[in-house]
């Protein structure tokens, strides 16, 4: 059921019109106030109805929220399916039109706000999670059907894996578009790079798609050695979130020493070791609370309880909610930034191998439900907190630059704009993977094959069309 055609399940036109009005208002309330601020009373005010009138159609808040999310998701799927089912149009052309539709939606701020909140809410409400999983399964199936039409020889599992990568790219674009401001020329280059990538995934040869990272062949990664020193082994890193739900000590400990200088409890004048240890303990506890309970449950009292201290004692270090939230997000994201900057640094190992190392690590993190929960909460919170949005934007920019440097090392002939576009695409295909893995993690169906396709695609993106197997002149127009 959708906002427009909700009447398909009701008989009265008046009832249909009234319910559609309520659902449209509910979507706006959800986007503006987030899942934490959603209330039936607010929807009633927006529609000019009494609370009892709204409850006549939707007896509980859960009923209203479920139907609201379902309506929004169904609207998008309806358009996707309409495009994909136009059998009188060649499959590769339908794929092109569908891609343009997705690009259009990604640039729509309202759609982004709604999805950020839905992803976060799905971590706390099983009935919303069920809707999200069903919608993304259907979304992936739309692309899988198109890939099957384009490549009849591909197996169903192969089509499903490639379709998941393509749709993950779309969700990754949704994320990056919310935290980056690129020029029109940069964006145009990114669109060209993305469409080229879609062609590669849609028609990737079996040899290219199944090239495993350990092969490290010159054909996969031409001119990537850049160093004649003896190759060093890949680093082995534990996940940022530890096995018991807490961030690990040592290298992976959340530490405000990694945060930029400024006012507040993390200013560089804090030298006392005991104070530093206490602050880092609080921030580590805060990260777990945000990941487990969401931004709606993120309070000083709850974090103090997690850290085993009184709220008044916590406020000695973090006087208010905003200080603690900013410090927590900054410390965690900078832990990742330091991690990937270290992994990408020029060494005795080829740039392509270092790229694979980062992709392996980022994919592992994307398969950790706790990391997914933290990320979704952060995306949702950024829509109502300028401090959070600015912080996440700066970290995402630094994260993307890690890939920019690797791409430049792999293909020195690439322009700065080309490096930026390729880096964005490589980063976002893994970032969007979270919408599929947040529940089952590494047990997500077909995840091994998906990882192979992501890496094979990253090779083609990084080396560029002039060195990849498929050149622009050889590509079928999409």
Protein backbone atom coordinates (compact mmCIF):
# COMPACT_ATOMS: atom_id res chain seq x y z
CA UNK A 1 0.00 0.00 0.00
CA UNK A 2 1.21 3.51 -0.76
CA UNK A 3 0.26 7.05 0.10
CA UNK A 4 -1.31 7.55 -3.33
CA UNK A 5 -3.10 4.25 -3.84
CA UNK A 6 -3.92 3.35 -0.26
CA UNK A 7 -7.54 3.04 -1.37
CA UNK A 8 -6.75 -0.31 -2.94
CA UNK A 9 -7.54 -1.89 0.44
CA UNK A 10 -10.54 0.27 1.44
CA UNK A 11 -13.95 0.96 -0.09
CA UNK A 12 -14.92 4.43 0.98
CA UNK A 13 -13.36 7.34 -0.95
CA UNK A 14 -13.68 9.59 2.08
CA UNK A 15 -11.89 7.07 4.22
CA UNK A 16 -9.23 6.67 1.54
CA UNK A 17 -8.68 10.42 1.31
CA UNK A 18 -8.53 10.88 5.07
CA UNK A 19 -6.06 8.03 5.57
CA UNK A 20 -3.85 9.32 2.78
CA UNK A 21 -3.82 12.76 4.40
CA UNK A 22 -2.83 11.25 7.72
CA UNK A 23 -0.04 9.21 6.16
CA UNK A 24 1.38 12.19 4.30
CA UNK A 25 1.39 14.18 7.53
CA UNK A 26 2.97 11.27 9.39
CA UNK A 27 5.81 11.08 6.86
CA UNK A 28 6.55 14.77 7.40
CA UNK A 29 6.44 14.44 11.19
CA UNK A 30 8.77 11.44 11.02
CA UNK A 31 11.27 13.30 8.83
CA UNK A 32 11.21 16.42 10.98
CA UNK A 33 11.23 14.92 14.46
CA UNK A 34 12.87 11.56 13.87
CA UNK A 35 11.78 8.31 15.42
CA UNK A 36 12.37 9.71 18.90
CA UNK A 37 10.03 12.63 18.29
CA UNK A 38 7.29 10.82 16.42
CA UNK A 39 3.89 11.00 18.12
CA UNK A 40 0.31 10.43 16.99
CA UNK A 41 -0.69 13.74 18.57
CA UNK A 42 1.78 15.64 16.36
CA UNK A 43 0.34 13.97 13.28
CA UNK A 44 -3.17 14.96 14.39
CA UNK A 45 -2.12 18.59 14.79
CA UNK A 46 -0.53 18.62 11.36
CA UNK A 47 -3.65 17.27 9.68
CA UNK A 48 -6.01 19.51 11.69
CA UNK A 49 -7.73 16.51 13.23
CA UNK A 50 -8.35 15.53 16.83
CA UNK A 51 -6.25 12.79 18.35
CA UNK A 52 -9.28 10.53 18.56
CA UNK A 53 -9.98 11.03 14.85
CA UNK A 54 -6.49 9.85 13.92
CA UNK A 55 -6.75 6.93 16.35
CA UNK A 56 -10.00 5.89 14.67
CA UNK A 57 -7.96 5.01 11.59
CA UNK A 58 -4.74 4.05 13.38
CA UNK A 59 -5.52 2.88 16.94
CA UNK A 60 -1.91 2.85 18.16
CA UNK A 61 1.29 4.72 17.47
CA UNK A 62 2.80 1.44 16.27
CA UNK A 63 -0.01 1.01 13.73
CA UNK A 64 0.54 4.51 12.39
CA UNK A 65 4.33 4.22 12.30
CA UNK A 66 4.25 0.82 10.61
CA UNK A 67 1.87 2.02 7.89
CA UNK A 68 3.84 5.24 7.41
CA UNK A 69 7.13 3.44 6.84
CA UNK A 70 5.45 0.85 4.64
CA UNK A 71 3.84 3.57 2.51
CA UNK A 72 7.12 5.41 1.99
CA UNK A 73 9.07 2.28 1.05
CA UNK A 74 6.31 1.01 -1.22
CA UNK A 75 6.21 4.29 -3.14
CA UNK A 76 9.86 3.89 -4.15
CA UNK A 77 9.52 0.20 -4.98
CA UNK A 78 6.44 0.90 -7.09
CA UNK A 79 8.43 3.22 -9.36
CA UNK A 80 11.41 0.84 -9.54
CA UNK A 81 9.24 -2.10 -10.53
CA UNK A 82 7.38 -0.08 -13.14
CA UNK A 83 10.68 0.80 -14.81
CA UNK A 84 12.11 -2.72 -14.56
CA UNK A 85 9.02 -4.39 -16.02
CA UNK A 86 8.88 -2.40 -19.27
CA UNK A 87 9.59 -5.46 -21.37
CA UNK A 88 9.37 -3.52 -24.64
CA UNK A 89 12.57 -1.68 -23.66
CA UNK A 90 15.99 -3.44 -23.70
CA UNK A 91 17.19 -4.53 -20.27
CA UNK A 92 20.34 -2.38 -20.36
CA UNK A 93 18.18 0.67 -21.14
CA UNK A 94 15.81 -0.12 -18.28
CA UNK A 95 18.87 -0.35 -16.04
CA UNK A 96 19.93 3.11 -17.18
CA UNK A 97 16.52 4.64 -16.50
CA UNK A 98 16.38 2.97 -13.09
CA UNK A 99 19.82 4.29 -12.25
CA UNK A 100 18.78 7.83 -13.19
CA UNK A 101 15.72 7.47 -10.95
CA UNK A 102 17.94 6.44 -8.04
CA UNK A 103 20.31 9.36 -8.64
CA UNK A 104 17.31 11.68 -8.55
CA UNK A 105 16.07 10.27 -5.25
CA UNK A 106 19.51 10.43 -3.68
CA UNK A 107 19.62 14.17 -4.28
CA UNK A 108 16.27 14.56 -2.51
CA UNK A 109 16.97 15.66 1.05
CA UNK A 110 13.57 14.51 2.30
CA UNK A 111 14.14 10.94 1.13
CA UNK A 112 17.54 10.88 2.80
CA UNK A 113 16.15 12.16 6.11
CA UNK A 114 13.40 9.57 6.11
CA UNK A 115 15.71 6.65 5.33
CA UNK A 116 18.30 7.65 7.93
CA UNK A 117 15.59 7.55 10.58
CA UNK A 118 14.11 4.28 9.28
CA UNK A 119 17.52 2.58 9.38
CA UNK A 120 18.02 3.70 12.96
CA UNK A 121 14.51 2.75 14.08
CA UNK A 122 14.91 -0.71 12.53
CA UNK A 123 17.62 -1.40 15.12
CA UNK A 124 15.09 -1.04 17.94
CA UNK A 125 11.76 -2.21 16.54
CA UNK A 126 11.46 -5.66 14.99
CA UNK A 127 8.32 -4.77 13.05
CA UNK A 128 10.19 -1.92 11.32
CA UNK A 129 13.19 -4.16 10.73
CA UNK A 130 10.93 -6.66 8.98
CA UNK A 131 9.62 -3.93 6.68
CA UNK A 132 13.15 -2.74 5.87
CA UNK A 133 14.42 -6.25 5.13
CA UNK A 134 11.47 -7.01 2.88
CA UNK A 135 11.84 -3.71 1.02
CA UNK A 136 15.56 -4.12 0.40
CA UNK A 137 15.09 -7.72 -0.63
CA UNK A 138 12.56 -6.56 -3.21
CA UNK A 139 14.87 -3.71 -4.25
CA UNK A 140 17.71 -6.15 -4.83
CA UNK A 141 15.40 -8.51 -6.74
CA UNK A 142 14.51 -5.71 -9.16
CA UNK A 143 18.17 -5.38 -10.12
CA UNK A 144 18.73 -9.14 -10.07
CA UNK A 145 15.96 -9.52 -12.63
CA UNK A 146 17.55 -6.92 -14.87
CA UNK A 147 20.97 -8.58 -14.58
CA UNK A 148 19.38 -11.90 -15.50
CA UNK A 149 17.91 -10.32 -18.62
CA UNK A 150 21.25 -8.74 -19.53
CA UNK A 151 23.27 -11.91 -18.79
CA UNK A 152 21.04 -15.00 -19.18
CA UNK A 153 23.99 -17.31 -18.46
CA UNK A 154 24.49 -15.99 -14.91
CA UNK A 155 23.17 -18.12 -12.06
CA UNK A 156 20.49 -16.79 -9.74
CA UNK A 157 23.01 -16.58 -6.87
CA UNK A 158 25.44 -14.62 -9.02
CA UNK A 159 22.74 -12.20 -10.11
CA UNK A 160 21.68 -11.76 -6.48
CA UNK A 161 25.27 -11.03 -5.37
CA UNK A 162 25.88 -8.47 -8.09
CA UNK A 163 22.47 -6.91 -7.50
CA UNK A 164 23.29 -6.51 -3.82
CA UNK A 165 26.53 -4.72 -4.71
CA UNK A 166 24.69 -2.38 -7.07
CA UNK A 167 21.98 -1.54 -4.55
CA UNK A 168 24.57 -1.14 -1.79
CA UNK A 169 26.23 1.46 -4.02
CA UNK A 170 22.93 3.30 -4.15
CA UNK A 171 22.58 3.34 -0.37
CA UNK A 172 26.22 4.34 -0.04
CA UNK A 173 25.52 7.29 -2.34
CA UNK A 174 22.60 8.19 -0.08
CA UNK A 175 25.01 8.31 2.86
CA UNK A 176 27.83 10.19 1.17
CA UNK A 177 25.49 12.73 -0.40
CA UNK A 178 24.42 13.76 3.07
CA UNK A 179 27.96 14.48 4.24
CA UNK A 180 29.81 15.89 1.25
CA UNK A 181 29.56 19.03 -0.85
CA UNK A 182 31.29 18.43 -4.19
CA UNK A 183 31.37 20.80 -7.13
CA UNK A 184 29.13 20.25 -10.13
CA UNK A 185 32.11 19.08 -12.18
CA UNK A 186 33.17 16.66 -9.43
CA UNK A 187 29.66 15.29 -9.24
CA UNK A 188 29.45 14.90 -13.03
CA UNK A 189 32.67 12.89 -13.02
CA UNK A 190 31.32 10.79 -10.19
CA UNK A 191 28.15 10.02 -12.17
CA UNK A 192 30.24 8.92 -15.16
CA UNK A 193 32.36 6.71 -12.93
CA UNK A 194 29.30 5.19 -11.28
CA UNK A 195 27.61 4.37 -14.58
CA UNK A 196 30.81 2.75 -15.80
CA UNK A 197 30.89 0.68 -12.62
CA UNK A 198 27.29 -0.42 -13.14
CA UNK A 199 28.20 -1.64 -16.60
CA UNK A 200 31.14 -3.57 -15.19
CA UNK A 201 29.08 -5.27 -12.50
CA UNK A 202 26.22 -5.95 -14.89
CA UNK A 203 28.44 -7.53 -17.52
CA UNK A 204 31.57 -8.46 -15.57
CA UNK A 205 33.28 -11.51 -17.02
CA UNK A 206 33.50 -14.53 -14.78
CA UNK A 207 37.29 -14.30 -14.82
CA UNK A 208 37.22 -10.67 -13.75
CA UNK A 209 34.48 -11.13 -11.18
CA UNK A 210 36.08 -14.11 -9.53
CA UNK A 211 39.63 -12.79 -9.34
CA UNK A 212 40.51 -13.25 -5.71
CA UNK A 213 42.64 -10.65 -3.88
CA UNK A 214 45.30 -13.19 -3.00
CA UNK A 215 46.12 -13.61 -6.70
CA UNK A 216 47.58 -10.07 -6.71
CA UNK A 217 48.14 -10.51 -10.46
CA UNK A 218 49.60 -7.71 -12.60
CA UNK A 219 46.57 -8.08 -14.89
CA UNK A 220 44.29 -7.18 -12.00
CA UNK A 221 46.47 -4.40 -10.67
CA UNK A 222 48.80 -3.04 -13.37
CA UNK A 223 51.69 -0.86 -12.28
CA UNK A 224 50.75 -0.92 -8.61
CA UNK A 225 53.97 -2.11 -7.01
CA UNK A 226 55.58 1.28 -6.60
CA UNK A 227 58.17 -0.19 -4.23
CA UNK A 228 60.87 -2.79 -4.67
CA UNK A 229 61.25 -3.52 -0.98
CA UNK A 230 60.34 -6.90 0.34
CA UNK A 231 56.58 -7.10 0.79
CA UNK A 232 55.32 -6.90 4.33
CA UNK A 233 52.50 -9.09 5.67
CA UNK A 234 49.04 -7.59 5.90
CA UNK A 235 48.21 -6.19 9.34
CA UNK A 236 45.89 -8.23 11.52
CA UNK A 237 43.48 -6.01 13.42
CA UNK A 238 40.70 -6.82 15.82
CA UNK A 239 37.30 -5.27 15.28
CA UNK A 240 36.82 -1.87 16.86
CA UNK A 241 33.91 -3.18 18.91
CA UNK A 242 35.21 -5.96 21.13
CA UNK A 243 33.76 -9.42 21.57
CA UNK A 244 31.95 -8.50 24.79
CA UNK A 245 30.28 -5.42 23.41
CA UNK A 246 32.89 -2.99 24.63
CA UNK A 247 35.59 -1.24 22.68
CA UNK A 248 38.93 -2.92 23.12
CA UNK A 249 41.73 -1.50 25.19
CA UNK A 250 45.12 -0.64 23.79
CA UNK A 251 45.27 0.43 20.18
CA UNK A 252 41.50 0.29 19.67
CA UNK A 253 40.54 2.08 22.86
CA UNK A 254 38.44 5.17 22.38
CA UNK A 255 40.62 8.07 23.37
CA UNK A 256 39.98 11.78 23.36
CA UNK A 257 43.68 12.29 22.76
CA UNK A 258 42.74 11.65 19.12
CA UNK A 259 40.23 14.50 19.08
CA UNK A 260 41.04 17.97 17.80
CA UNK A 261 41.90 20.60 20.38
CA UNK A 262 39.29 23.02 21.59
CA UNK A 263 37.23 23.95 24.59
CA UNK A 264 35.62 21.49 26.95
CA UNK A 265 36.86 18.37 28.73
CA UNK A 266 39.02 17.25 25.79
CA UNK A 267 41.20 20.39 25.63
CA UNK A 268 44.93 19.64 25.34
CA UNK A 269 45.67 21.06 28.80
CA UNK A 270 44.29 17.86 30.36
CA UNK A 271 47.52 16.17 31.43
CA UNK A 272 46.54 14.22 34.51
CA UNK A 273 46.73 10.52 33.66
CA UNK A 274 43.91 9.45 35.97
CA UNK A 275 41.64 12.11 34.53
CA UNK A 276 42.49 11.00 31.01
CA UNK A 277 41.75 7.38 31.83
CA UNK A 278 38.42 8.33 33.40
CA UNK A 279 37.39 10.41 30.40
CA UNK A 280 38.24 7.60 27.98
CA UNK A 281 36.31 5.13 30.10
CA UNK A 282 33.25 7.39 29.93
CA UNK A 283 33.52 7.84 26.16
CA UNK A 284 33.90 4.09 25.65
CA UNK A 285 30.77 3.48 27.73
CA UNK A 286 28.95 6.20 25.80
CA UNK A 287 29.78 4.54 22.47
CA UNK A 288 28.20 1.31 23.64
CA UNK A 289 25.08 3.07 24.91
CA UNK A 290 24.64 4.87 21.59
CA UNK A 291 25.09 1.64 19.64
CA UNK A 292 22.81 -0.41 21.90
CA UNK A 293 20.01 2.00 22.74
CA UNK A 294 20.09 4.70 20.09
CA UNK A 295 20.15 8.46 20.37
CA UNK A 296 16.75 8.47 22.08
CA UNK A 297 18.22 6.49 24.99
CA UNK A 298 21.51 8.36 25.08
CA UNK A 299 21.43 10.23 28.39
CA UNK A 300 24.06 11.24 30.90
CA UNK A 301 22.40 9.03 33.50
CA UNK A 302 22.42 5.97 31.23
CA UNK A 303 26.07 6.47 30.27
CA UNK A 304 27.03 7.02 33.91
CA UNK A 305 25.40 3.71 34.80
CA UNK A 306 27.27 1.96 31.98
CA UNK A 307 30.54 3.46 33.22
CA UNK A 308 29.80 2.51 36.83
CA UNK A 309 29.70 6.00 38.26
CA UNK A 310 27.28 8.66 39.47
CA UNK A 311 25.80 11.11 36.98
CA UNK A 312 27.18 14.00 39.01
CA UNK A 313 30.66 12.50 38.74
CA UNK A 314 30.30 12.12 34.96
CA UNK A 315 29.22 15.76 34.67
CA UNK A 316 32.52 16.78 36.22
CA UNK A 317 34.07 15.69 32.90
CA UNK A 318 31.16 16.27 30.51
CA UNK A 319 28.78 18.94 31.81
CA UNK A 320 26.08 18.33 29.22
CA UNK A 321 24.67 15.84 26.75
CA UNK A 322 26.05 17.61 23.65
CA UNK A 323 29.64 17.63 24.96
CA UNK A 324 29.56 13.90 25.60
CA UNK A 325 27.86 13.05 22.33
CA UNK A 326 30.31 15.09 20.27
CA UNK A 327 33.31 13.59 22.06
CA UNK A 328 31.99 10.04 21.63
CA UNK A 329 31.32 10.27 17.91
CA UNK A 330 34.60 12.06 17.28
CA UNK A 331 36.67 9.55 19.24
CA UNK A 332 35.11 6.51 17.58
CA UNK A 333 35.32 7.84 14.04
CA UNK A 334 38.86 9.04 14.50
CA UNK A 335 39.77 5.57 15.68
CA UNK A 336 38.63 4.30 12.29
CA UNK A 337 40.37 7.16 10.51
CA UNK A 338 43.69 6.45 12.22
CA UNK A 339 43.25 2.75 11.50
CA UNK A 340 42.72 3.19 7.75
CA UNK A 341 45.32 5.92 7.38
CA UNK A 342 47.86 3.55 8.88
CA UNK A 343 46.78 0.67 6.65
CA UNK A 344 46.98 2.80 3.50
CA UNK A 345 50.38 4.30 4.21
CA UNK A 346 53.03 3.49 1.54
CA UNK A 347 55.05 0.47 2.57
CA UNK A 348 56.72 -2.58 1.10
CA UNK A 349 53.32 -3.78 -0.12
CA UNK A 350 51.64 -2.75 -3.39
CA UNK A 351 48.91 -0.13 -3.24
CA UNK A 352 46.33 -2.58 -4.55
CA UNK A 353 47.08 -4.99 -1.72
CA UNK A 354 46.69 -2.20 0.81
CA UNK A 355 43.38 -1.28 -0.82
CA UNK A 356 42.23 -4.90 -0.44
CA UNK A 357 43.28 -4.85 3.22
CA UNK A 358 41.12 -1.81 3.88
CA UNK A 359 38.17 -3.24 1.94
CA UNK A 360 38.43 -6.47 3.94
CA UNK A 361 38.53 -4.54 7.19
CA UNK A 362 35.70 -2.16 6.28
CA UNK A 363 33.55 -5.08 5.13
CA UNK A 364 34.21 -6.91 8.39
CA UNK A 365 33.12 -3.82 10.29
CA UNK A 366 30.01 -3.50 8.09
CA UNK A 367 29.16 -7.07 9.08
CA UNK A 368 29.26 -6.20 12.80
CA UNK A 369 25.68 -5.36 13.88
CA UNK A 370 27.01 -3.09 16.63
CA UNK A 371 28.92 -1.00 14.11
CA UNK A 372 25.81 -0.81 11.92
CA UNK A 373 23.68 0.33 14.86
CA UNK A 374 26.16 3.02 15.82
CA UNK A 375 26.41 4.24 12.23
CA UNK A 376 22.66 4.42 11.68
CA UNK A 377 22.14 6.33 14.91
CA UNK A 378 24.87 8.75 13.89
CA UNK A 379 23.29 9.32 10.45
CA UNK A 380 19.88 9.96 11.99
CA UNK A 381 21.24 12.25 14.69
CA UNK A 382 23.17 14.29 12.12
CA UNK A 383 19.83 15.44 10.66
CA UNK A 384 18.95 17.31 13.83
CA UNK A 385 22.37 18.19 15.23
CA UNK A 386 24.59 20.61 13.29
CA UNK A 387 27.57 19.67 15.46
CA UNK A 388 27.13 15.98 14.66
CA UNK A 389 26.62 16.62 10.95
CA UNK A 390 29.74 18.80 10.69
CA UNK A 391 31.78 16.27 12.62
CA UNK A 392 30.65 13.32 10.51
CA UNK A 393 31.21 15.31 7.32
CA UNK A 394 34.81 16.10 8.25
CA UNK A 395 35.56 12.50 9.14
CA UNK A 396 33.95 11.15 5.96
CA UNK A 397 36.02 13.59 3.94
CA UNK A 398 39.20 12.33 5.57
CA UNK A 399 38.10 8.72 5.10
CA UNK A 400 37.48 9.27 1.38
CA UNK A 401 40.90 10.87 1.04
CA UNK A 402 42.47 7.57 2.13
CA UNK A 403 41.05 6.02 -1.04
CA UNK A 404 42.00 9.07 -3.11
CA UNK A 405 45.66 8.59 -2.20
CA UNK A 406 45.53 4.87 -3.00
CA UNK A 407 43.85 5.46 -6.36
CA UNK A 408 46.43 8.09 -7.23
CA UNK A 409 49.20 5.63 -6.39
CA UNK A 410 47.56 2.88 -8.46
CA UNK A 411 46.91 5.15 -11.45
CA UNK A 412 49.29 8.14 -11.43
CA UNK A 413 47.84 9.34 -14.75
CA UNK A 414 44.40 10.01 -13.18
CA UNK A 415 43.41 13.61 -12.58
CA UNK A 416 42.47 14.83 -9.12
CA UNK A 417 38.81 14.85 -10.14
CA UNK A 418 39.02 11.28 -11.44
CA UNK A 419 40.73 10.12 -8.24
CA UNK A 420 38.02 11.75 -6.14
CA UNK A 421 35.21 10.14 -8.17
CA UNK A 422 36.79 6.69 -8.06
CA UNK A 423 37.54 6.97 -4.35
CA UNK A 424 33.95 7.97 -3.60
CA UNK A 425 32.57 5.00 -5.49
CA UNK A 426 34.93 2.50 -3.83
CA UNK A 427 34.07 3.84 -0.39
CA UNK A 428 30.33 3.99 -0.82
CA UNK A 429 29.81 0.46 -2.16
CA UNK A 430 30.99 -0.89 1.20
CA UNK A 431 29.30 1.81 3.28
CA UNK A 432 25.91 0.95 1.81
CA UNK A 433 26.41 -2.74 2.58
CA UNK A 434 25.24 -2.11 6.14
CA UNK A 435 21.57 -1.95 5.17
CA UNK A 436 21.81 -5.63 4.27
CA UNK A 437 24.11 -6.88 7.05
CA UNK A 438 22.93 -5.07 10.18
CA UNK A 439 21.07 -8.09 11.52
CA UNK A 440 22.73 -11.28 10.23
CA UNK A 441 26.25 -9.83 9.99
CA UNK A 442 28.70 -12.29 8.48
CA UNK A 443 25.83 -14.76 8.21
CA UNK A 444 24.14 -12.60 5.56
CA UNK A 445 23.19 -14.85 2.65
CA UNK A 446 25.75 -14.74 -0.16
CA UNK A 447 28.08 -12.36 1.67
CA UNK A 448 31.26 -14.19 0.59
CA UNK A 449 30.42 -13.79 -3.08
CA UNK A 450 29.39 -10.19 -2.49
CA UNK A 451 32.80 -9.46 -1.00
CA UNK A 452 34.49 -10.94 -4.07
CA UNK A 453 32.42 -8.78 -6.41
CA UNK A 454 33.15 -5.66 -4.33
CA UNK A 455 36.89 -6.26 -4.56
CA UNK A 456 36.84 -7.12 -8.25
CA UNK A 457 34.80 -3.98 -8.87
CA UNK A 458 37.23 -1.92 -6.78
CA UNK A 459 40.09 -3.10 -9.00
CA UNK A 460 38.31 -1.92 -12.14
CA UNK A 461 37.37 1.39 -10.53
CA UNK A 462 40.86 2.08 -9.21
CA UNK A 463 42.78 1.32 -12.41
CA UNK A 464 40.31 3.28 -14.53
CA UNK A 465 38.81 2.64 -17.95
CA UNK A 466 42.09 3.06 -19.83
CA UNK A 467 43.72 0.15 -17.97
CA UNK A 468 40.74 -1.97 -17.00
CA UNK A 469 39.46 -4.87 -19.06
CA UNK A 470 36.46 -2.94 -20.37
CA UNK A 471 37.11 0.37 -22.11
CA UNK A 472 34.61 3.13 -22.67
CA UNK A 473 34.59 2.38 -26.39
CA UNK A 474 33.73 -1.24 -25.68
CA UNK A 475 31.03 -0.64 -23.14
CA UNK A 476 27.41 -1.11 -24.04
CA UNK A 477 25.58 2.21 -23.55
CA UNK A 478 23.61 2.35 -20.31
